[in-house]
Structures are given as structure tokens and as C-alpha cells.
Amino acid sequence: MAIGETTTDAVDYREGNEPAHVRKLSGLTKYGNITLKAGYTDSLEIANWHKRIVAGEISSQRKTVTIVVQDELGADKARFVISEAWPLKYDPSDLNAKGNEVLIETLELANEGLERTR
């Protein structure tokens, strides 16, 4: 899992009657893409979600996604809530008949907000 960084632009501002230096105001906040990787399952939910995006259904397919990080014993250690997420890249893995690697699905999500709630 790779959680994209969050950045807020600094905007220089100065009114004519202020001292001869700029003030820094907050500008737009940008949320980086999130990459999720998981072992292959027989579920088609992720593939079908991406398929609906490819078909142009982006506005109706944005979702709130919750990512829960657990320790070795299965106890919750961190929780991230991703707002307005939609898949912009789906990679079902390379198939290699000569190899013995595990198939890994990769999903990259665009989003409009990331909040750590735990």
C-alpha cells in the first residue's frame, strides 16, 4: 500500500498598504494517488469498478474507501478514510507460465481527501 502525500500550496499575498514583504496564505490542497496491492481473489468487484470508470461513469462511481492497517495479531493500528475515490489504474498482474510468483492485483485510486482517523 502506498498512501499519496497531501500538500497545500502557499500563495504569496500583499496589499498595497502593508509592509514590503509578502504574507503566505493557504491555497489549494492536493491529495496524491493511493496504490493498493493485494493477492488475487475470485472477486470481480475491483475489476468491475474500474470497468465502469472506463465506460465513463466516474461521477456515479466515486466512493468513500476505508483502509485499516492491522498488526500481526489482527488488531487495528491505523485507519485512513479516503474521500471521493475512483480507480484510475488497474493492473491484474502479469501472467508468466514459466514462473511461480503469486498473482498480485494493483489498484491506483485518485481521490479528493485523505484523513487518518486512528
PDB file of N, CA and C in Angstrom:
ATOM      1  N   MET A   1       0.852  -1.172   0.000  1.00  0.00           N
ATOM      2  CA  MET A   1       0.000   0.000   0.000  1.00  0.00           C
ATOM      3  C   MET A   1       0.894   1.229   0.000  1.00  0.00           C
ATOM      4  N   ALA A   2       0.587   2.160  -0.852  1.00  0.00           N
ATOM      5  CA  ALA A   2       1.284   3.444  -0.869  1.00  0.00           C
ATOM      6  C   ALA A   2       0.241   4.548  -0.781  1.00  0.00           C
ATOM      7  N   ILE A   3       0.294   5.283   0.318  1.00  0.00           N
ATOM      8  CA  ILE A   3      -0.655   6.367   0.503  1.00  0.00           C
ATOM      9  C   ILE A   3      -0.006   7.642   0.012  1.00  0.00           C
ATOM     10  N   GLY A   4      -0.671   8.310  -0.906  1.00  0.00           N
ATOM     11  CA  GLY A   4      -0.138   9.533  -1.502  1.00  0.00           C
ATOM     12  C   GLY A   4      -0.032  10.659  -0.493  1.00  0.00           C
ATOM     13  N   GLU A   5       0.898  11.535  -0.754  1.00  0.00           N
ATOM     14  CA  GLU A   5       1.093  12.661   0.154  1.00  0.00           C
ATOM     15  C   GLU A   5       0.022  13.718  -0.049  1.00  0.00           C
ATOM     16  N   THR A   6      -0.194  14.510   0.993  1.00  0.00           N
ATOM     17  CA  THR A   6      -1.115  15.628   0.944  1.00  0.00           C
ATOM     18  C   THR A   6      -0.298  16.912   1.014  1.00  0.00           C
ATOM     19  N   THR A   7      -0.533  17.815   0.071  1.00  0.00           N
ATOM     20  CA  THR A   7       0.192  19.082   0.073  1.00  0.00           C
ATOM     21  C   THR A   7      -0.787  20.242  -0.087  1.00  0.00           C
ATOM     22  N   THR A   8      -0.453  21.348   0.556  1.00  0.00           N
ATOM     23  CA  THR A   8      -1.236  22.569   0.411  1.00  0.00           C
ATOM     24  C   THR A   8      -0.317  23.646  -0.145  1.00  0.00           C
ATOM     25  N   ASP A   9      -0.725  24.244  -1.243  1.00  0.00           N
ATOM     26  CA  ASP A   9       0.068  25.304  -1.853  1.00  0.00           C
ATOM     27  C   ASP A   9       0.080  26.544  -0.967  1.00  0.00           C
ATOM     28  N   ALA A  10       1.215  27.228  -0.955  1.00  0.00           N
ATOM     29  CA  ALA A  10       1.318  28.533  -0.285  1.00  0.00           C
ATOM     30  C   ALA A  10       1.159  29.612  -1.352  1.00  0.00           C
ATOM     31  N   VAL A  11       0.296  30.571  -1.083  1.00  0.00           N
ATOM     32  CA  VAL A  11       0.028  31.653  -2.023  1.00  0.00           C
ATOM     33  C   VAL A  11       0.597  32.944  -1.438  1.00  0.00           C
ATOM     34  N   ASP A  12       1.454  33.618  -2.211  1.00  0.00           N
ATOM     35  CA  ASP A  12       2.000  34.905  -1.787  1.00  0.00           C
ATOM     36  C   ASP A  12       0.931  35.990  -1.925  1.00  0.00           C
ATOM     37  N   TYR A  13       0.829  36.845  -0.896  1.00  0.00           N
ATOM     38  CA  TYR A  13      -0.201  37.877  -0.904  1.00  0.00           C
ATOM     39  C   TYR A  13       0.344  39.134  -0.226  1.00  0.00           C
ATOM     40  N   ARG A  14      -0.007  40.273  -0.768  1.00  0.00           N
ATOM     41  CA  ARG A  14       0.361  41.552  -0.157  1.00  0.00           C
ATOM     42  C   ARG A  14      -0.602  42.620  -0.630  1.00  0.00           C
ATOM     43  N   GLU A  15      -1.155  43.365   0.312  1.00  0.00           N
ATOM     44  CA  GLU A  15      -1.978  44.516  -0.041  1.00  0.00           C
ATOM     45  C   GLU A  15      -1.077  45.737  -0.124  1.00  0.00           C
ATOM     46  N   GLY A  16      -1.490  46.734  -0.857  1.00  0.00           N
ATOM     47  CA  GLY A  16      -0.664  47.899  -1.119  1.00  0.00           C
ATOM     48  C   GLY A  16      -0.220  48.676   0.101  1.00  0.00           C
ATOM     49  N   ASN A  17      -0.990  48.652   1.182  1.00  0.00           N
ATOM     50  CA  ASN A  17      -0.634  49.442   2.360  1.00  0.00           C
ATOM     51  C   ASN A  17       0.127  48.630   3.414  1.00  0.00           C
ATOM     52  N   GLU A  18       0.516  47.405   3.102  1.00  0.00           N
ATOM     53  CA  GLU A  18       1.230  46.551   4.048  1.00  0.00           C
ATOM     54  C   GLU A  18       2.739  46.727   3.886  1.00  0.00           C
ATOM     55  N   PRO A  19       3.509  46.245   4.865  1.00  0.00           N
ATOM     56  CA  PRO A  19       4.976  46.305   4.740  1.00  0.00           C
ATOM     57  C   PRO A  19       5.449  45.614   3.462  1.00  0.00           C
ATOM     58  N   ALA A  20       6.689  45.884   3.095  1.00  0.00           N
ATOM     59  CA  ALA A  20       7.223  45.400   1.811  1.00  0.00           C
ATOM     60  C   ALA A  20       7.658  43.931   1.878  1.00  0.00           C
ATOM     61  N   HIS A  21       6.841  43.095   2.380  1.00  0.00           N
ATOM     62  CA  HIS A  21       7.077  41.654   2.317  1.00  0.00           C
ATOM     63  C   HIS A  21       5.734  40.951   2.134  1.00  0.00           C
ATOM     64  N   VAL A  22       5.774  39.754   1.622  1.00  0.00           N
ATOM     65  CA  VAL A  22       4.527  39.030   1.331  1.00  0.00           C
ATOM     66  C   VAL A  22       4.079  38.230   2.542  1.00  0.00           C
ATOM     67  N   ARG A  23       2.792  38.020   2.592  1.00  0.00           N
ATOM     68  CA  ARG A  23       2.214  37.092   3.573  1.00  0.00           C
ATOM     69  C   ARG A  23       1.954  35.790   2.845  1.00  0.00           C
ATOM     70  N   LYS A  24       1.990  34.703   3.560  1.00  0.00           N
ATOM     71  CA  LYS A  24       1.704  33.385   2.990  1.00  0.00           C
ATOM     72  C   LYS A  24       0.291  32.977   3.392  1.00  0.00           C
ATOM     73  N   LEU A  25      -0.550  32.766   2.391  1.00  0.00           N
ATOM     74  CA  LEU A  25      -1.906  32.275   2.616  1.00  0.00           C
ATOM     75  C   LEU A  25      -2.003  30.861   2.080  1.00  0.00           C
ATOM     76  N   SER A  26      -2.921  30.094   2.636  1.00  0.00           N
ATOM     77  CA  SER A  26      -3.084  28.722   2.137  1.00  0.00           C
ATOM     78  C   SER A  26      -3.856  28.727   0.826  1.00  0.00           C
ATOM     79  N   GLY A  27      -3.386  27.914  -0.099  1.00  0.00           N
ATOM     80  CA  GLY A  27      -4.033  27.781  -1.404  1.00  0.00           C
ATOM     81  C   GLY A  27      -4.722  26.437  -1.517  1.00  0.00           C
ATOM     82  N   LEU A  28      -4.662  25.861  -2.688  1.00  0.00           N
ATOM     83  CA  LEU A  28      -5.307  24.575  -2.941  1.00  0.00           C
ATOM     84  C   LEU A  28      -4.584  23.431  -2.239  1.00  0.00           C
ATOM     85  N   THR A  29      -5.347  22.479  -1.723  1.00  0.00           N
ATOM     86  CA  THR A  29      -4.786  21.266  -1.150  1.00  0.00           C
ATOM     87  C   THR A  29      -4.904  20.166  -2.189  1.00  0.00           C
ATOM     88  N   LYS A  30      -3.823  19.423  -2.367  1.00  0.00           N
ATOM     89  CA  LYS A  30      -3.778  18.341  -3.347  1.00  0.00           C
ATOM     90  C   LYS A  30      -3.528  17.024  -2.626  1.00  0.00           C
ATOM     91  N   TYR A  31      -4.248  15.993  -3.048  1.00  0.00           N
ATOM     92  CA  TYR A  31      -4.127  14.673  -2.456  1.00  0.00           C
ATOM     93  C   TYR A  31      -3.510  13.732  -3.485  1.00  0.00           C
ATOM     94  N   GLY A  32      -2.405  13.103  -3.121  1.00  0.00           N
ATOM     95  CA  GLY A  32      -1.734  12.185  -4.035  1.00  0.00           C
ATOM     96  C   GLY A  32      -2.522  10.899  -4.219  1.00  0.00           C
ATOM     97  N   ASN A  33      -2.221  10.204  -5.306  1.00  0.00           N
ATOM     98  CA  ASN A  33      -2.892   8.934  -5.579  1.00  0.00           C
ATOM     99  C   ASN A  33      -2.488   7.887  -4.550  1.00  0.00           C
ATOM    100  N   ILE A  34      -3.357   6.922  -4.365  1.00  0.00           N
ATOM    101  CA  ILE A  34      -3.129   5.837  -3.417  1.00  0.00           C
ATOM    102  C   ILE A  34      -3.036   4.540  -4.193  1.00  0.00           C
ATOM    103  N   THR A  35      -1.991   3.762  -3.932  1.00  0.00           N
ATOM    104  CA  THR A  35      -1.793   2.492  -4.622  1.00  0.00           C
ATOM    105  C   THR A  35      -2.008   1.355  -3.634  1.00  0.00           C
ATOM    106  N   LEU A  36      -2.909   0.452  -3.996  1.00  0.00           N
ATOM    107  CA  LEU A  36      -3.205  -0.719  -3.176  1.00  0.00           C
ATOM    108  C   LEU A  36      -2.798  -1.970  -3.935  1.00  0.00           C
ATOM    109  N   LYS A  37      -2.210  -2.935  -3.221  1.00  0.00           N
ATOM    110  CA  LYS A  37      -1.835  -4.207  -3.820  1.00  0.00           C
ATOM    111  C   LYS A  37      -2.366  -5.324  -2.946  1.00  0.00           C
ATOM    112  N   ALA A  38      -2.878  -6.358  -3.593  1.00  0.00           N
ATOM    113  CA  ALA A  38      -3.417  -7.492  -2.851  1.00  0.00           C
ATOM    114  C   ALA A  38      -3.266  -8.752  -3.678  1.00  0.00           C
ATOM    115  N   GLY A  39      -3.210  -9.877  -2.998  1.00  0.00           N
ATOM    116  CA  GLY A  39      -3.179 -11.159  -3.689  1.00  0.00           C
ATOM    117  C   GLY A  39      -4.473 -11.374  -4.448  1.00  0.00           C
ATOM    118  N   TYR A  40      -4.382 -12.078  -5.525  1.00  0.00           N
ATOM    119  CA  TYR A  40      -5.518 -12.331  -6.414  1.00  0.00           C
ATOM    120  C   TYR A  40      -6.615 -13.110  -5.702  1.00  0.00           C
ATOM    121  N   THR A  41      -7.870 -12.731  -5.923  1.00  0.00           N
ATOM    122  CA  THR A  41      -9.021 -13.467  -5.401  1.00  0.00           C
ATOM    123  C   THR A  41      -9.974 -13.751  -6.558  1.00  0.00           C
ATOM    124  N   ASP A  42     -11.036 -14.454  -6.283  1.00  0.00           N
ATOM    125  CA  ASP A  42     -12.012 -14.731  -7.339  1.00  0.00           C
ATOM    126  C   ASP A  42     -13.083 -13.646  -7.427  1.00  0.00           C
ATOM    127  N   SER A  43     -12.960 -12.590  -6.616  1.00  0.00           N
ATOM    128  CA  SER A  43     -13.905 -11.480  -6.656  1.00  0.00           C
ATOM    129  C   SER A  43     -13.623 -10.586  -7.864  1.00  0.00           C
ATOM    130  N   LEU A  44     -14.683 -10.156  -8.538  1.00  0.00           N
ATOM    131  CA  LEU A  44     -14.565  -9.243  -9.675  1.00  0.00           C
ATOM    132  C   LEU A  44     -14.935  -7.806  -9.305  1.00  0.00           C
ATOM    133  N   GLU A  45     -15.120  -7.540  -8.024  1.00  0.00           N
ATOM    134  CA  GLU A  45     -15.591  -6.224  -7.592  1.00  0.00           C
ATOM    135  C   GLU A  45     -14.654  -5.096  -8.030  1.00  0.00           C
ATOM    136  N   ILE A  46     -13.361  -5.253  -7.828  1.00  0.00           N
ATOM    137  CA  ILE A  46     -12.406  -4.205  -8.202  1.00  0.00           C
ATOM    138  C   ILE A  46     -12.337  -4.059  -9.716  1.00  0.00           C
ATOM    139  N   ALA A  47     -12.254  -5.161 -10.435  1.00  0.00           N
ATOM    140  CA  ALA A  47     -12.187  -5.110 -11.896  1.00  0.00           C
ATOM    141  C   ALA A  47     -13.444  -4.463 -12.476  1.00  0.00           C
ATOM    142  N   ASN A  48     -14.603  -4.789 -11.930  1.00  0.00           N
ATOM    143  CA  ASN A  48     -15.859  -4.206 -12.427  1.00  0.00           C
ATOM    144  C   ASN A  48     -15.965  -2.721 -12.099  1.00  0.00           C
ATOM    145  N   TRP A  49     -15.446  -2.306 -10.939  1.00  0.00           N
ATOM    146  CA  TRP A  49     -15.443  -0.885 -10.581  1.00  0.00           C
ATOM    147  C   TRP A  49     -14.607  -0.115 -11.602  1.00  0.00           C
ATOM    148  N   HIS A  50     -13.425  -0.629 -11.915  1.00  0.00           N
ATOM    149  CA  HIS A  50     -12.573   0.026 -12.917  1.00  0.00           C
ATOM    150  C   HIS A  50     -13.246   0.019 -14.291  1.00  0.00           C
ATOM    151  N   LYS A  51     -13.911  -1.066 -14.638  1.00  0.00           N
ATOM    152  CA  LYS A  51     -14.603  -1.168 -15.932  1.00  0.00           C
ATOM    153  C   LYS A  51     -15.678  -0.095 -16.071  1.00  0.00           C
ATOM    154  N   ARG A  52     -16.408   0.205 -14.978  1.00  0.00           N
ATOM    155  CA  ARG A  52     -17.436   1.252 -15.022  1.00  0.00           C
ATOM    156  C   ARG A  52     -16.801   2.640 -15.200  1.00  0.00           C
ATOM    157  N   ILE A  53     -15.621   2.845 -14.643  1.00  0.00           N
ATOM    158  CA  ILE A  53     -14.911   4.117 -14.832  1.00  0.00           C
ATOM    159  C   ILE A  53     -14.502   4.264 -16.289  1.00  0.00           C
ATOM    160  N   VAL A  54     -13.968   3.199 -16.868  1.00  0.00           N
ATOM    161  CA  VAL A  54     -13.554   3.223 -18.283  1.00  0.00           C
ATOM    162  C   VAL A  54     -14.752   3.531 -19.178  1.00  0.00           C
ATOM    163  N   ALA A  55     -15.931   3.087 -18.767  1.00  0.00           N
ATOM    164  CA  ALA A  55     -17.151   3.329 -19.538  1.00  0.00           C
ATOM    165  C   ALA A  55     -17.676   4.760 -19.356  1.00  0.00           C
ATOM    166  N   GLY A  56     -16.995   5.572 -18.541  1.00  0.00           N
ATOM    167  CA  GLY A  56     -17.378   6.973 -18.387  1.00  0.00           C
ATOM    168  C   GLY A  56     -18.302   7.274 -17.227  1.00  0.00           C
ATOM    169  N   GLU A  57     -18.454   6.353 -16.299  1.00  0.00           N
ATOM    170  CA  GLU A  57     -19.378   6.539 -15.177  1.00  0.00           C
ATOM    171  C   GLU A  57     -18.682   7.098 -13.934  1.00  0.00           C
ATOM    172  N   ILE A  58     -17.736   8.005 -14.103  1.00  0.00           N
ATOM    173  CA  ILE A  58     -16.927   8.465 -12.975  1.00  0.00           C
ATOM    174  C   ILE A  58     -17.778   9.107 -11.876  1.00  0.00           C
ATOM    175  N   SER A  59     -18.672  10.013 -12.219  1.00  0.00           N
ATOM    176  CA  SER A  59     -19.410  10.740 -11.184  1.00  0.00           C
ATOM    177  C   SER A  59     -20.255   9.819 -10.310  1.00  0.00           C
ATOM    178  N   SER A  60     -20.788   8.748 -10.863  1.00  0.00           N
ATOM    179  CA  SER A  60     -21.613   7.839 -10.068  1.00  0.00           C
ATOM    180  C   SER A  60     -20.799   6.750  -9.381  1.00  0.00           C
ATOM    181  N   GLN A  61     -19.502   6.678  -9.646  1.00  0.00           N
ATOM    182  CA  GLN A  61     -18.681   5.595  -9.109  1.00  0.00           C
ATOM    183  C   GLN A  61     -17.674   6.046  -8.051  1.00  0.00           C
ATOM    184  N   ARG A  62     -17.721   7.311  -7.665  1.00  0.00           N
ATOM    185  CA  ARG A  62     -16.821   7.778  -6.602  1.00  0.00           C
ATOM    186  C   ARG A  62     -17.283   7.177  -5.281  1.00  0.00           C
ATOM    187  N   LYS A  63     -16.323   6.730  -4.483  1.00  0.00           N
ATOM    188  CA  LYS A  63     -16.666   6.039  -3.237  1.00  0.00           C
ATOM    189  C   LYS A  63     -15.824   6.559  -2.080  1.00  0.00           C
ATOM    190  N   THR A  64     -16.326   6.356  -0.887  1.00  0.00           N
ATOM    191  CA  THR A  64     -15.525   6.541   0.314  1.00  0.00           C
ATOM    192  C   THR A  64     -14.880   5.189   0.608  1.00  0.00           C
ATOM    193  N   VAL A  65     -13.557   5.183   0.702  1.00  0.00           N
ATOM    194  CA  VAL A  65     -12.812   3.947   0.922  1.00  0.00           C
ATOM    195  C   VAL A  65     -12.133   4.050   2.283  1.00  0.00           C
ATOM    196  N   THR A  66     -12.259   3.017   3.086  1.00  0.00           N
ATOM    197  CA  THR A  66     -11.588   2.968   4.380  1.00  0.00           C
ATOM    198  C   THR A  66     -10.497   1.907   4.325  1.00  0.00           C
ATOM    199  N   ILE A  67      -9.282   2.311   4.702  1.00  0.00           N
ATOM    200  CA  ILE A  67      -8.149   1.397   4.752  1.00  0.00           C
ATOM    201  C   ILE A  67      -7.798   1.195   6.221  1.00  0.00           C
ATOM    202  N   VAL A  68      -7.794  -0.057   6.659  1.00  0.00           N
ATOM    203  CA  VAL A  68      -7.468  -0.383   8.043  1.00  0.00           C
ATOM    204  C   VAL A  68      -6.145  -1.140   8.053  1.00  0.00           C
ATOM    205  N   VAL A  69      -5.190  -0.619   8.816  1.00  0.00           N
ATOM    206  CA  VAL A  69      -3.878  -1.259   8.961  1.00  0.00           C
ATOM    207  C   VAL A  69      -3.912  -2.067  10.252  1.00  0.00           C
ATOM    208  N   GLN A  70      -3.548  -3.363  10.142  1.00  0.00           N
ATOM    209  CA  GLN A  70      -3.580  -4.250  11.296  1.00  0.00           C
ATOM    210  C   GLN A  70      -2.192  -4.782  11.610  1.00  0.00           C
ATOM    211  N   ASP A  71      -1.989  -5.151  12.878  1.00  0.00           N
ATOM    212  CA  ASP A  71      -0.730  -5.770  13.258  1.00  0.00           C
ATOM    213  C   ASP A  71      -0.799  -7.273  12.993  1.00  0.00           C
ATOM    214  N   GLU A  72       0.246  -7.992  13.396  1.00  0.00           N
ATOM    215  CA  GLU A  72       0.323  -9.434  13.122  1.00  0.00           C
ATOM    216  C   GLU A  72      -0.802 -10.231  13.774  1.00  0.00           C
ATOM    217  N   LEU A  73      -1.360  -9.706  14.874  1.00  0.00           N
ATOM    218  CA  LEU A  73      -2.430 -10.411  15.584  1.00  0.00           C
ATOM    219  C   LEU A  73      -3.821 -10.023  15.097  1.00  0.00           C
ATOM    220  N   GLY A  74      -3.890  -9.105  14.129  1.00  0.00           N
ATOM    221  CA  GLY A  74      -5.172  -8.692  13.581  1.00  0.00           C
ATOM    222  C   GLY A  74      -5.812  -7.516  14.294  1.00  0.00           C
ATOM    223  N   ALA A  75      -5.083  -6.866  15.194  1.00  0.00           N
ATOM    224  CA  ALA A  75      -5.624  -5.703  15.898  1.00  0.00           C
ATOM    225  C   ALA A  75      -5.459  -4.456  15.021  1.00  0.00           C
ATOM    226  N   ASP A  76      -6.496  -3.615  15.000  1.00  0.00           N
ATOM    227  CA  ASP A  76      -6.443  -2.373  14.225  1.00  0.00           C
ATOM    228  C   ASP A  76      -5.416  -1.422  14.823  1.00  0.00           C
ATOM    229  N   LYS A  77      -4.524  -0.895  13.981  1.00  0.00           N
ATOM    230  CA  LYS A  77      -3.493   0.038  14.428  1.00  0.00           C
ATOM    231  C   LYS A  77      -3.628   1.417  13.796  1.00  0.00           C
ATOM    232  N   ALA A  78      -4.163   1.505  12.602  1.00  0.00           N
ATOM    233  CA  ALA A  78      -4.364   2.794  11.935  1.00  0.00           C
ATOM    234  C   ALA A  78      -5.549   2.658  10.986  1.00  0.00           C
ATOM    235  N   ARG A  79      -6.204   3.787  10.763  1.00  0.00           N
ATOM    236  CA  ARG A  79      -7.365   3.796   9.867  1.00  0.00           C
ATOM    237  C   ARG A  79      -7.312   5.072   9.038  1.00  0.00           C
ATOM    238  N   PHE A  80      -7.468   4.912   7.720  1.00  0.00           N
ATOM    239  CA  PHE A  80      -7.476   6.040   6.792  1.00  0.00           C
ATOM    240  C   PHE A  80      -8.802   6.039   6.045  1.00  0.00           C
ATOM    241  N   VAL A  81      -9.437   7.196   5.952  1.00  0.00           N
ATOM    242  CA  VAL A  81     -10.679   7.339   5.204  1.00  0.00           C
ATOM    243  C   VAL A  81     -10.363   8.187   3.975  1.00  0.00           C
ATOM    244  N   ILE A  82     -10.613   7.621   2.793  1.00  0.00           N
ATOM    245  CA  ILE A  82     -10.330   8.257   1.522  1.00  0.00           C
ATOM    246  C   ILE A  82     -11.661   8.735   0.927  1.00  0.00           C
ATOM    247  N   SER A  83     -11.743  10.021   0.592  1.00  0.00           N
ATOM    248  CA  SER A  83     -12.992  10.601   0.079  1.00  0.00           C
ATOM    249  C   SER A  83     -12.992  10.691  -1.443  1.00  0.00           C
ATOM    250  N   GLU A  84     -14.151  10.443  -2.019  1.00  0.00           N
ATOM    251  CA  GLU A  84     -14.364  10.606  -3.464  1.00  0.00           C
ATOM    252  C   GLU A  84     -13.335   9.832  -4.292  1.00  0.00           C
ATOM    253  N   ALA A  85     -13.046   8.610  -3.885  1.00  0.00           N
ATOM    254  CA  ALA A  85     -12.039   7.792  -4.572  1.00  0.00           C
ATOM    255  C   ALA A  85     -12.626   7.110  -5.806  1.00  0.00           C
ATOM    256  N   TRP A  86     -11.783   6.978  -6.819  1.00  0.00           N
ATOM    257  CA  TRP A  86     -12.149   6.221  -8.018  1.00  0.00           C
ATOM    258  C   TRP A  86     -10.873   5.664  -8.640  1.00  0.00           C
ATOM    259  N   PRO A  87     -10.973   4.466  -9.235  1.00  0.00           N
ATOM    260  CA  PRO A  87      -9.770   3.832  -9.781  1.00  0.00           C
ATOM    261  C   PRO A  87      -9.338   4.469 -11.090  1.00  0.00           C
ATOM    262  N   LEU A  88      -8.088   4.903 -11.130  1.00  0.00           N
ATOM    263  CA  LEU A  88      -7.573   5.442 -12.381  1.00  0.00           C
ATOM    264  C   LEU A  88      -6.621   4.467 -13.046  1.00  0.00           C
ATOM    265  N   LYS A  89      -6.208   3.435 -12.314  1.00  0.00           N
ATOM    266  CA  LYS A  89      -5.350   2.408 -12.915  1.00  0.00           C
ATOM    267  C   LYS A  89      -5.626   1.079 -12.220  1.00  0.00           C
ATOM    268  N   TYR A  90      -5.774   0.053 -13.030  1.00  0.00           N
ATOM    269  CA  TYR A  90      -5.976  -1.303 -12.517  1.00  0.00           C
ATOM    270  C   TYR A  90      -5.035  -2.224 -13.266  1.00  0.00           C
ATOM    271  N   ASP A  91      -4.228  -2.980 -12.529  1.00  0.00           N
ATOM    272  CA  ASP A  91      -3.289  -3.920 -13.132  1.00  0.00           C
ATOM    273  C   ASP A  91      -3.542  -5.297 -12.534  1.00  0.00           C
ATOM    274  N   PRO A  92      -4.125  -6.207 -13.310  1.00  0.00           N
ATOM    275  CA  PRO A  92      -4.445  -7.523 -12.774  1.00  0.00           C
ATOM    276  C   PRO A  92      -3.245  -8.440 -12.612  1.00  0.00           C
ATOM    277  N   SER A  93      -2.047  -8.011 -12.966  1.00  0.00           N
ATOM    278  CA  SER A  93      -0.802  -8.759 -12.787  1.00  0.00           C
ATOM    279  C   SER A  93      -0.355  -9.366 -14.103  1.00  0.00           C
ATOM    280  N   ASP A  94       0.916  -9.668 -14.151  1.00  0.00           N
ATOM    281  CA  ASP A  94       1.484 -10.336 -15.317  1.00  0.00           C
ATOM    282  C   ASP A  94       1.301 -11.843 -15.166  1.00  0.00           C
ATOM    283  N   LEU A  95       0.984 -12.477 -16.247  1.00  0.00           N
ATOM    284  CA  LEU A  95       0.853 -13.936 -16.241  1.00  0.00           C
ATOM    285  C   LEU A  95       2.097 -14.531 -16.896  1.00  0.00           C
ATOM    286  N   ASN A  96       2.784 -15.355 -16.142  1.00  0.00           N
ATOM    287  CA  ASN A  96       4.005 -15.972 -16.636  1.00  0.00           C
ATOM    288  C   ASN A  96       3.933 -17.460 -16.353  1.00  0.00           C
ATOM    289  N   ALA A  97       3.758 -18.249 -17.392  1.00  0.00           N
ATOM    290  CA  ALA A  97       3.624 -19.697 -17.222  1.00  0.00           C
ATOM    291  C   ALA A  97       4.917 -20.346 -16.737  1.00  0.00           C
ATOM    292  N   LYS A  98       6.042 -19.692 -16.931  1.00  0.00           N
ATOM    293  CA  LYS A  98       7.325 -20.258 -16.519  1.00  0.00           C
ATOM    294  C   LYS A  98       7.676 -19.924 -15.072  1.00  0.00           C
ATOM    295  N   GLY A  99       6.978 -18.982 -14.482  1.00  0.00           N
ATOM    296  CA  GLY A  99       7.298 -18.557 -13.124  1.00  0.00           C
ATOM    297  C   GLY A  99       6.380 -19.195 -12.102  1.00  0.00           C
ATOM    298  N   ASN A 100       6.700 -18.952 -10.839  1.00  0.00           N
ATOM    299  CA  ASN A 100       5.851 -19.454  -9.757  1.00  0.00           C
ATOM    300  C   ASN A 100       5.466 -18.327  -8.798  1.00  0.00           C
ATOM    301  N   GLU A 101       5.418 -17.087  -9.318  1.00  0.00           N
ATOM    302  CA  GLU A 101       5.064 -15.938  -8.500  1.00  0.00           C
ATOM    303  C   GLU A 101       3.563 -15.918  -8.208  1.00  0.00           C
ATOM    304  N   VAL A 102       3.232 -15.302  -7.092  1.00  0.00           N
ATOM    305  CA  VAL A 102       1.836 -15.110  -6.727  1.00  0.00           C
ATOM    306  C   VAL A 102       1.274 -13.964  -7.569  1.00  0.00           C
ATOM    307  N   LEU A 103       0.040 -14.105  -8.036  1.00  0.00           N
ATOM    308  CA  LEU A 103      -0.602 -13.025  -8.786  1.00  0.00           C
ATOM    309  C   LEU A 103      -1.002 -11.913  -7.826  1.00  0.00           C
ATOM    310  N   ILE A 104      -0.650 -10.687  -8.183  1.00  0.00           N
ATOM    311  CA  ILE A 104      -0.937  -9.520  -7.359  1.00  0.00           C
ATOM    312  C   ILE A 104      -1.754  -8.522  -8.176  1.00  0.00           C
ATOM    313  N   GLU A 105      -2.917  -8.126  -7.646  1.00  0.00           N
ATOM    314  CA  GLU A 105      -3.721  -7.074  -8.262  1.00  0.00           C
ATOM    315  C   GLU A 105      -3.242  -5.725  -7.719  1.00  0.00           C
ATOM    316  N   THR A 106      -3.116  -4.744  -8.602  1.00  0.00           N
ATOM    317  CA  THR A 106      -2.731  -3.399  -8.198  1.00  0.00           C
ATOM    318  C   THR A 106      -3.839  -2.440  -8.606  1.00  0.00           C
ATOM    319  N   LEU A 107      -4.252  -1.599  -7.673  1.00  0.00           N
ATOM    320  CA  LEU A 107      -5.300  -0.618  -7.914  1.00  0.00           C
ATOM    321  C   LEU A 107      -4.784   0.748  -7.483  1.00  0.00           C
ATOM    322  N   GLU A 108      -4.812   1.716  -8.392  1.00  0.00           N
ATOM    323  CA  GLU A 108      -4.406   3.076  -8.066  1.00  0.00           C
ATOM    324  C   GLU A 108      -5.649   3.948  -8.019  1.00  0.00           C
ATOM    325  N   LEU A 109      -5.828   4.645  -6.897  1.00  0.00           N
ATOM    326  CA  LEU A 109      -7.020   5.450  -6.680  1.00  0.00           C
ATOM    327  C   LEU A 109      -6.704   6.939  -6.713  1.00  0.00           C
ATOM    328  N   ALA A 110      -7.453   7.689  -7.520  1.00  0.00           N
ATOM    329  CA  ALA A 110      -7.473   9.143  -7.417  1.00  0.00           C
ATOM    330  C   ALA A 110      -8.440   9.465  -6.284  1.00  0.00           C
ATOM    331  N   ASN A 111      -8.258  10.603  -5.634  1.00  0.00           N
ATOM    332  CA  ASN A 111      -9.141  10.924  -4.515  1.00  0.00           C
ATOM    333  C   ASN A 111      -9.168  12.420  -4.264  1.00  0.00           C
ATOM    334  N   GLU A 112     -10.101  12.822  -3.416  1.00  0.00           N
ATOM    335  CA  GLU A 112     -10.253  14.238  -3.076  1.00  0.00           C
ATOM    336  C   GLU A 112     -10.162  14.470  -1.583  1.00  0.00           C
ATOM    337  N   GLY A 113      -9.558  13.545  -0.869  1.00  0.00           N
ATOM    338  CA  GLY A 113      -9.393  13.749   0.569  1.00  0.00           C
ATOM    339  C   GLY A 113      -8.873  12.512   1.253  1.00  0.00           C
ATOM    340  N   LEU A 114      -7.982  12.738   2.215  1.00  0.00           N
ATOM    341  CA  LEU A 114      -7.391  11.655   2.997  1.00  0.00           C
ATOM    342  C   LEU A 114      -7.380  12.097   4.454  1.00  0.00           C
ATOM    343  N   GLU A 115      -7.963  11.280   5.314  1.00  0.00           N
ATOM    344  CA  GLU A 115      -7.992  11.615   6.732  1.00  0.00           C
ATOM    345  C   GLU A 115      -7.598  10.388   7.542  1.00  0.00           C
ATOM    346  N   ARG A 116      -6.646  10.562   8.428  1.00  0.00           N
ATOM    347  CA  ARG A 116      -6.299   9.474   9.353  1.00  0.00           C
ATOM    348  C   ARG A 116      -7.200   9.625  10.561  1.00  0.00           C
ATOM    349  N   THR A 117      -8.013   8.607  10.833  1.00  0.00           N
ATOM    350  CA  THR A 117      -8.983   8.686  11.914  1.00  0.00           C
ATOM    351  C   THR A 117      -8.552   7.877  13.136  1.00  0.00           C
ATOM    352  N   ARG A 118      -7.463   7.147  13.004  1.00  0.00           N
ATOM    353  CA  ARG A 118      -6.937   6.383  14.146  1.00  0.00           C
ATOM    354  C   ARG A 118      -5.459   6.248  14.009  1.00  0.00           C
TER     355      ARG A 118
END
